[in-house]
Amino acid sequence: MRKLIAFDEDTFDKLKQLGRDRMATFQELADEAFADLLKKHGIPIDLRDALRESARVEGATDKSPPRPRTRKARAR
């Protein structure tokens, strides 16, 4: 899907330079930026991330609460 995004000239120049410095395309920079944004807000990026998050959440809720520890009386 293609979308049009507007940048001010200074920002676009800095993004172009960053792309040159890292030998990355503008698309690669955008993919990285949006992936970081989704991760920051806890939204899975792909199916693998969604499954990993689902397993983590289910694993946390399936655990029973730990039993209280009781001290055994020492024999004297």
PDB file of N, CA and C in Angstrom:
ATOM      1  N   MET A   1       0.849  -1.167   0.000  1.00  0.00           N
ATOM      2  CA  MET A   1       0.000   0.000   0.000  1.00  0.00           C
ATOM      3  C   MET A   1       0.898   1.235   0.000  1.00  0.00           C
ATOM      4  N   ARG A   2       0.561   2.174  -0.778  1.00  0.00           N
ATOM      5  CA  ARG A   2       1.344   3.406  -0.857  1.00  0.00           C
ATOM      6  C   ARG A   2       0.554   4.549  -0.235  1.00  0.00           C
ATOM      7  N   LYS A   3       1.265   5.345   0.539  1.00  0.00           N
ATOM      8  CA  LYS A   3       0.684   6.538   1.156  1.00  0.00           C
ATOM      9  C   LYS A   3       1.662   7.690   0.963  1.00  0.00           C
ATOM     10  N   LEU A   4       1.146   8.864   0.872  1.00  0.00           N
ATOM     11  CA  LEU A   4       1.961  10.056   0.699  1.00  0.00           C
ATOM     12  C   LEU A   4       2.183  10.688   2.068  1.00  0.00           C
ATOM     13  N   ILE A   5       3.451  10.935   2.391  1.00  0.00           N
ATOM     14  CA  ILE A   5       3.805  11.566   3.663  1.00  0.00           C
ATOM     15  C   ILE A   5       4.635  12.799   3.338  1.00  0.00           C
ATOM     16  N   ALA A   6       4.315  13.909   3.963  1.00  0.00           N
ATOM     17  CA  ALA A   6       5.041  15.157   3.712  1.00  0.00           C
ATOM     18  C   ALA A   6       6.058  15.411   4.822  1.00  0.00           C
ATOM     19  N   PHE A   7       7.259  15.812   4.420  1.00  0.00           N
ATOM     20  CA  PHE A   7       8.320  16.188   5.353  1.00  0.00           C
ATOM     21  C   PHE A   7       8.758  17.600   5.009  1.00  0.00           C
ATOM     22  N   ASP A   8       9.183  18.331   6.026  1.00  0.00           N
ATOM     23  CA  ASP A   8       9.791  19.619   5.702  1.00  0.00           C
ATOM     24  C   ASP A   8      11.157  19.334   5.080  1.00  0.00           C
ATOM     25  N   GLU A   9      11.686  20.305   4.374  1.00  0.00           N
ATOM     26  CA  GLU A   9      12.911  20.105   3.594  1.00  0.00           C
ATOM     27  C   GLU A   9      14.094  19.680   4.459  1.00  0.00           C
ATOM     28  N   ASP A  10      14.247  20.299   5.617  1.00  0.00           N
ATOM     29  CA  ASP A  10      15.377  19.976   6.499  1.00  0.00           C
ATOM     30  C   ASP A  10      15.300  18.527   6.988  1.00  0.00           C
ATOM     31  N   THR A  11      14.123  18.098   7.413  1.00  0.00           N
ATOM     32  CA  THR A  11      13.948  16.717   7.879  1.00  0.00           C
ATOM     33  C   THR A  11      14.236  15.731   6.760  1.00  0.00           C
ATOM     34  N   PHE A  12      13.729  15.996   5.568  1.00  0.00           N
ATOM     35  CA  PHE A  12      13.954  15.095   4.449  1.00  0.00           C
ATOM     36  C   PHE A  12      15.437  15.017   4.096  1.00  0.00           C
ATOM     37  N   ASP A  13      16.143  16.144   4.130  1.00  0.00           N
ATOM     38  CA  ASP A  13      17.586  16.135   3.860  1.00  0.00           C
ATOM     39  C   ASP A  13      18.335  15.280   4.885  1.00  0.00           C
ATOM     40  N   LYS A  14      17.928  15.402   6.147  1.00  0.00           N
ATOM     41  CA  LYS A  14      18.577  14.600   7.197  1.00  0.00           C
ATOM     42  C   LYS A  14      18.275  13.118   7.028  1.00  0.00           C
ATOM     43  N   LEU A  15      17.061  12.781   6.628  1.00  0.00           N
ATOM     44  CA  LEU A  15      16.723  11.374   6.387  1.00  0.00           C
ATOM     45  C   LEU A  15      17.501  10.817   5.196  1.00  0.00           C
ATOM     46  N   LYS A  16      17.651  11.612   4.142  1.00  0.00           N
ATOM     47  CA  LYS A  16      18.449  11.172   2.993  1.00  0.00           C
ATOM     48  C   LYS A  16      19.888  10.924   3.406  1.00  0.00           C
ATOM     49  N   GLN A  17      20.443  11.834   4.213  1.00  0.00           N
ATOM     50  CA  GLN A  17      21.829  11.671   4.664  1.00  0.00           C
ATOM     51  C   GLN A  17      21.965  10.437   5.564  1.00  0.00           C
ATOM     52  N   LEU A  18      21.010  10.223   6.434  1.00  0.00           N
ATOM     53  CA  LEU A  18      21.040   9.032   7.289  1.00  0.00           C
ATOM     54  C   LEU A  18      21.008   7.766   6.433  1.00  0.00           C
ATOM     55  N   GLY A  19      20.179   7.764   5.417  1.00  0.00           N
ATOM     56  CA  GLY A  19      20.122   6.628   4.509  1.00  0.00           C
ATOM     57  C   GLY A  19      21.459   6.381   3.825  1.00  0.00           C
ATOM     58  N   ARG A  20      22.116   7.454   3.386  1.00  0.00           N
ATOM     59  CA  ARG A  20      23.441   7.310   2.762  1.00  0.00           C
ATOM     60  C   ARG A  20      24.456   6.765   3.764  1.00  0.00           C
ATOM     61  N   ASP A  21      24.442   7.325   4.982  1.00  0.00           N
ATOM     62  CA  ASP A  21      25.410   6.904   6.007  1.00  0.00           C
ATOM     63  C   ASP A  21      25.246   5.421   6.365  1.00  0.00           C
ATOM     64  N   ARG A  22      24.022   4.974   6.403  1.00  0.00           N
ATOM     65  CA  ARG A  22      23.752   3.584   6.794  1.00  0.00           C
ATOM     66  C   ARG A  22      23.628   2.648   5.602  1.00  0.00           C
ATOM     67  N   MET A  23      23.780   3.211   4.395  1.00  0.00           N
ATOM     68  CA  MET A  23      23.623   2.438   3.158  1.00  0.00           C
ATOM     69  C   MET A  23      22.257   1.740   3.147  1.00  0.00           C
ATOM     70  N   ALA A  24      21.222   2.511   3.471  1.00  0.00           N
ATOM     71  CA  ALA A  24      19.854   2.006   3.525  1.00  0.00           C
ATOM     72  C   ALA A  24      18.976   2.867   2.628  1.00  0.00           C
ATOM     73  N   THR A  25      17.923   2.272   2.125  1.00  0.00           N
ATOM     74  CA  THR A  25      16.964   3.030   1.330  1.00  0.00           C
ATOM     75  C   THR A  25      16.022   3.785   2.258  1.00  0.00           C
ATOM     76  N   PHE A  26      15.332   4.746   1.670  1.00  0.00           N
ATOM     77  CA  PHE A  26      14.340   5.485   2.446  1.00  0.00           C
ATOM     78  C   PHE A  26      13.264   4.537   2.966  1.00  0.00           C
ATOM     79  N   GLN A  27      12.896   3.547   2.153  1.00  0.00           N
ATOM     80  CA  GLN A  27      11.880   2.567   2.557  1.00  0.00           C
ATOM     81  C   GLN A  27      12.358   1.768   3.769  1.00  0.00           C
ATOM     82  N   GLU A  28      13.623   1.376   3.801  1.00  0.00           N
ATOM     83  CA  GLU A  28      14.160   0.634   4.949  1.00  0.00           C
ATOM     84  C   GLU A  28      14.134   1.488   6.217  1.00  0.00           C
ATOM     85  N   LEU A  29      14.471   2.768   6.071  1.00  0.00           N
ATOM     86  CA  LEU A  29      14.398   3.670   7.234  1.00  0.00           C
ATOM     87  C   LEU A  29      12.962   3.795   7.735  1.00  0.00           C
ATOM     88  N   ALA A  30      12.017   3.924   6.799  1.00  0.00           N
ATOM     89  CA  ALA A  30      10.608   4.056   7.178  1.00  0.00           C
ATOM     90  C   ALA A  30      10.110   2.770   7.840  1.00  0.00           C
ATOM     91  N   ASP A  31      10.476   1.612   7.294  1.00  0.00           N
ATOM     92  CA  ASP A  31      10.062   0.335   7.886  1.00  0.00           C
ATOM     93  C   ASP A  31      10.565   0.211   9.323  1.00  0.00           C
ATOM     94  N   GLU A  32      11.824   0.576   9.536  1.00  0.00           N
ATOM     95  CA  GLU A  32      12.402   0.515  10.881  1.00  0.00           C
ATOM     96  C   GLU A  32      11.692   1.471  11.837  1.00  0.00           C
ATOM     97  N   ALA A  33      11.424   2.672  11.361  1.00  0.00           N
ATOM     98  CA  ALA A  33      10.774   3.677  12.206  1.00  0.00           C
ATOM     99  C   ALA A  33       9.371   3.241  12.608  1.00  0.00           C
ATOM    100  N   PHE A  34       8.597   2.734  11.646  1.00  0.00           N
ATOM    101  CA  PHE A  34       7.233   2.324  11.969  1.00  0.00           C
ATOM    102  C   PHE A  34       7.208   1.060  12.824  1.00  0.00           C
ATOM    103  N   ALA A  35       8.159   0.154  12.610  1.00  0.00           N
ATOM    104  CA  ALA A  35       8.241  -1.036  13.463  1.00  0.00           C
ATOM    105  C   ALA A  35       8.539  -0.634  14.910  1.00  0.00           C
ATOM    106  N   ASP A  36       9.449   0.327  15.085  1.00  0.00           N
ATOM    107  CA  ASP A  36       9.763   0.816  16.433  1.00  0.00           C
ATOM    108  C   ASP A  36       8.549   1.477  17.078  1.00  0.00           C
ATOM    109  N   LEU A  37       7.786   2.223  16.301  1.00  0.00           N
ATOM    110  CA  LEU A  37       6.593   2.886  16.823  1.00  0.00           C
ATOM    111  C   LEU A  37       5.548   1.866  17.275  1.00  0.00           C
ATOM    112  N   LEU A  38       5.324   0.844  16.458  1.00  0.00           N
ATOM    113  CA  LEU A  38       4.358  -0.197  16.838  1.00  0.00           C
ATOM    114  C   LEU A  38       4.825  -0.942  18.085  1.00  0.00           C
ATOM    115  N   LYS A  39       6.118  -1.255  18.149  1.00  0.00           N
ATOM    116  CA  LYS A  39       6.664  -1.959  19.314  1.00  0.00           C
ATOM    117  C   LYS A  39       6.498  -1.118  20.584  1.00  0.00           C
ATOM    118  N   LYS A  40       6.746   0.181  20.463  1.00  0.00           N
ATOM    119  CA  LYS A  40       6.608   1.092  21.604  1.00  0.00           C
ATOM    120  C   LYS A  40       5.198   1.047  22.185  1.00  0.00           C
ATOM    121  N   HIS A  41       4.207   0.878  21.321  1.00  0.00           N
ATOM    122  CA  HIS A  41       2.813   0.870  21.763  1.00  0.00           C
ATOM    123  C   HIS A  41       2.264  -0.540  21.961  1.00  0.00           C
ATOM    124  N   GLY A  42       3.141  -1.551  21.912  1.00  0.00           N
ATOM    125  CA  GLY A  42       2.730  -2.919  22.211  1.00  0.00           C
ATOM    126  C   GLY A  42       1.889  -3.579  21.134  1.00  0.00           C
ATOM    127  N   ILE A  43       2.035  -3.137  19.895  1.00  0.00           N
ATOM    128  CA  ILE A  43       1.272  -3.723  18.792  1.00  0.00           C
ATOM    129  C   ILE A  43       2.189  -4.666  18.030  1.00  0.00           C
ATOM    130  N   PRO A  44       1.817  -5.949  17.914  1.00  0.00           N
ATOM    131  CA  PRO A  44       2.688  -6.891  17.206  1.00  0.00           C
ATOM    132  C   PRO A  44       2.840  -6.513  15.732  1.00  0.00           C
ATOM    133  N   ILE A  45       4.045  -6.682  15.225  1.00  0.00           N
ATOM    134  CA  ILE A  45       4.359  -6.284  13.849  1.00  0.00           C
ATOM    135  C   ILE A  45       3.946  -7.364  12.860  1.00  0.00           C
ATOM    136  N   ASP A  46       4.186  -8.608  13.224  1.00  0.00           N
ATOM    137  CA  ASP A  46       3.856  -9.698  12.307  1.00  0.00           C
ATOM    138  C   ASP A  46       3.272 -10.863  13.101  1.00  0.00           C
ATOM    139  N   LEU A  47       2.967 -11.944  12.405  1.00  0.00           N
ATOM    140  CA  LEU A  47       2.343 -13.098  13.053  1.00  0.00           C
ATOM    141  C   LEU A  47       3.233 -13.683  14.138  1.00  0.00           C
ATOM    142  N   ARG A  48       4.523 -13.747  13.888  1.00  0.00           N
ATOM    143  CA  ARG A  48       5.454 -14.298  14.881  1.00  0.00           C
ATOM    144  C   ARG A  48       5.392 -13.510  16.186  1.00  0.00           C
ATOM    145  N   ASP A  49       5.414 -12.183  16.082  1.00  0.00           N
ATOM    146  CA  ASP A  49       5.328 -11.345  17.282  1.00  0.00           C
ATOM    147  C   ASP A  49       3.984 -11.512  17.985  1.00  0.00           C
ATOM    148  N   ALA A  50       2.911 -11.626  17.208  1.00  0.00           N
ATOM    149  CA  ALA A  50       1.579 -11.805  17.796  1.00  0.00           C
ATOM    150  C   ALA A  50       1.501 -13.128  18.555  1.00  0.00           C
ATOM    151  N   LEU A  51       2.045 -14.196  17.980  1.00  0.00           N
ATOM    152  CA  LEU A  51       2.029 -15.500  18.653  1.00  0.00           C
ATOM    153  C   LEU A  51       2.892 -15.482  19.905  1.00  0.00           C
ATOM    154  N   ARG A  52       4.049 -14.846  19.820  1.00  0.00           N
ATOM    155  CA  ARG A  52       4.942 -14.759  20.980  1.00  0.00           C
ATOM    156  C   ARG A  52       4.254 -14.008  22.120  1.00  0.00           C
ATOM    157  N   GLU A  53       3.602 -12.894  21.791  1.00  0.00           N
ATOM    158  CA  GLU A  53       2.894 -12.107  22.800  1.00  0.00           C
ATOM    159  C   GLU A  53       1.733 -12.898  23.388  1.00  0.00           C
ATOM    160  N   SER A  54       1.017 -13.619  22.546  1.00  0.00           N
ATOM    161  CA  SER A  54      -0.109 -14.423  23.007  1.00  0.00           C
ATOM    162  C   SER A  54       0.358 -15.509  23.965  1.00  0.00           C
ATOM    163  N   ALA A  55       1.462 -16.162  23.625  1.00  0.00           N
ATOM    164  CA  ALA A  55       1.995 -17.226  24.492  1.00  0.00           C
ATOM    165  C   ALA A  55       2.476 -16.641  25.821  1.00  0.00           C
ATOM    166  N   ARG A  56       3.068 -15.459  25.765  1.00  0.00           N
ATOM    167  CA  ARG A  56       3.562 -14.825  26.993  1.00  0.00           C
ATOM    168  C   ARG A  56       2.396 -14.466  27.906  1.00  0.00           C
ATOM    169  N   VAL A  57       1.345 -13.901  27.345  1.00  0.00           N
ATOM    170  CA  VAL A  57       0.180 -13.498  28.143  1.00  0.00           C
ATOM    171  C   VAL A  57      -0.527 -14.725  28.705  1.00  0.00           C
ATOM    172  N   GLU A  58      -0.727 -15.757  27.891  1.00  0.00           N
ATOM    173  CA  GLU A  58      -1.397 -16.965  28.368  1.00  0.00           C
ATOM    174  C   GLU A  58      -0.556 -17.672  29.415  1.00  0.00           C
ATOM    175  N   GLY A  59       0.757 -17.686  29.239  1.00  0.00           N
ATOM    176  CA  GLY A  59       1.639 -18.318  30.215  1.00  0.00           C
ATOM    177  C   GLY A  59       1.588 -17.631  31.556  1.00  0.00           C
ATOM    178  N   ALA A  60       1.434 -16.328  31.542  1.00  0.00           N
ATOM    179  CA  ALA A  60       1.374 -15.568  32.790  1.00  0.00           C
ATOM    180  C   ALA A  60       0.055 -15.794  33.511  1.00  0.00           C
ATOM    181  N   THR A  61      -1.033 -16.010  32.772  1.00  0.00           N
ATOM    182  CA  THR A  61      -2.332 -16.179  33.415  1.00  0.00           C
ATOM    183  C   THR A  61      -2.596 -17.626  33.803  1.00  0.00           C
ATOM    184  N   ASP A  62      -1.903 -18.580  33.191  1.00  0.00           N
ATOM    185  CA  ASP A  62      -2.122 -19.989  33.497  1.00  0.00           C
ATOM    186  C   ASP A  62      -1.443 -20.435  34.788  1.00  0.00           C
ATOM    187  N   LYS A  63      -0.489 -19.680  35.258  1.00  0.00           N
ATOM    188  CA  LYS A  63       0.257 -20.087  36.452  1.00  0.00           C
ATOM    189  C   LYS A  63      -0.624 -19.954  37.683  1.00  0.00           C
ATOM    190  N   SER A  64      -0.564 -20.970  38.518  1.00  0.00           N
ATOM    191  CA  SER A  64      -1.297 -20.889  39.774  1.00  0.00           C
ATOM    192  C   SER A  64      -0.459 -20.079  40.760  1.00  0.00           C
ATOM    193  N   PRO A  65      -1.103 -19.466  41.731  1.00  0.00           N
ATOM    194  CA  PRO A  65      -0.339 -18.667  42.685  1.00  0.00           C
ATOM    195  C   PRO A  65       0.592 -19.565  43.505  1.00  0.00           C
ATOM    196  N   PRO A  66       1.749 -19.059  43.865  1.00  0.00           N
ATOM    197  CA  PRO A  66       2.689 -19.875  44.637  1.00  0.00           C
ATOM    198  C   PRO A  66       2.125 -20.215  46.011  1.00  0.00           C
ATOM    199  N   ARG A  67       2.469 -21.425  46.470  1.00  0.00           N
ATOM    200  CA  ARG A  67       2.016 -21.832  47.805  1.00  0.00           C
ATOM    201  C   ARG A  67       2.786 -21.067  48.854  1.00  0.00           C
ATOM    202  N   PRO A  68       2.126 -20.716  49.936  1.00  0.00           N
ATOM    203  CA  PRO A  68       2.857 -20.027  51.009  1.00  0.00           C
ATOM    204  C   PRO A  68       3.864 -20.986  51.643  1.00  0.00           C
ATOM    205  N   ARG A  69       5.002 -20.470  51.949  1.00  0.00           N
ATOM    206  CA  ARG A  69       6.040 -21.292  52.581  1.00  0.00           C
ATOM    207  C   ARG A  69       5.795 -21.363  54.070  1.00  0.00           C
ATOM    208  N   THR A  70       5.908 -22.540  54.596  1.00  0.00           N
ATOM    209  CA  THR A  70       5.773 -22.706  56.039  1.00  0.00           C
ATOM    210  C   THR A  70       7.088 -23.274  56.557  1.00  0.00           C
ATOM    211  N   ARG A  71       7.452 -22.855  57.710  1.00  0.00           N
ATOM    212  CA  ARG A  71       8.689 -23.337  58.321  1.00  0.00           C
ATOM    213  C   ARG A  71       8.416 -24.650  59.031  1.00  0.00           C
ATOM    214  N   LYS A  72       9.294 -25.564  58.823  1.00  0.00           N
ATOM    215  CA  LYS A  72       9.182 -26.822  59.548  1.00  0.00           C
ATOM    216  C   LYS A  72       9.817 -26.643  60.925  1.00  0.00           C
ATOM    217  N   ALA A  73       9.163 -27.223  61.904  1.00  0.00           N
ATOM    218  CA  ALA A  73       9.703 -27.153  63.274  1.00  0.00           C
ATOM    219  C   ALA A  73      10.929 -28.042  63.367  1.00  0.00           C
ATOM    220  N   ARG A  74      11.959 -27.552  63.990  1.00  0.00           N
ATOM    221  CA  ARG A  74      13.183 -28.351  64.153  1.00  0.00           C
ATOM    222  C   ARG A  74      13.020 -29.316  65.312  1.00  0.00           C
ATOM    223  N   ALA A  75      13.510 -30.499  65.107  1.00  0.00           N
ATOM    224  CA  ALA A  75      13.490 -31.482  66.191  1.00  0.00           C
ATOM    225  C   ALA A  75      14.662 -31.198  67.115  1.00  0.00           C
ATOM    226  N   ARG A  76      14.388 -31.147  68.419  1.00  0.00           N
ATOM    227  CA  ARG A  76      15.468 -30.866  69.385  1.00  0.00           C
ATOM    228  C   ARG A  76      15.704 -32.034  70.254  1.00  0.00           C
TER     229      ARG A  76
END
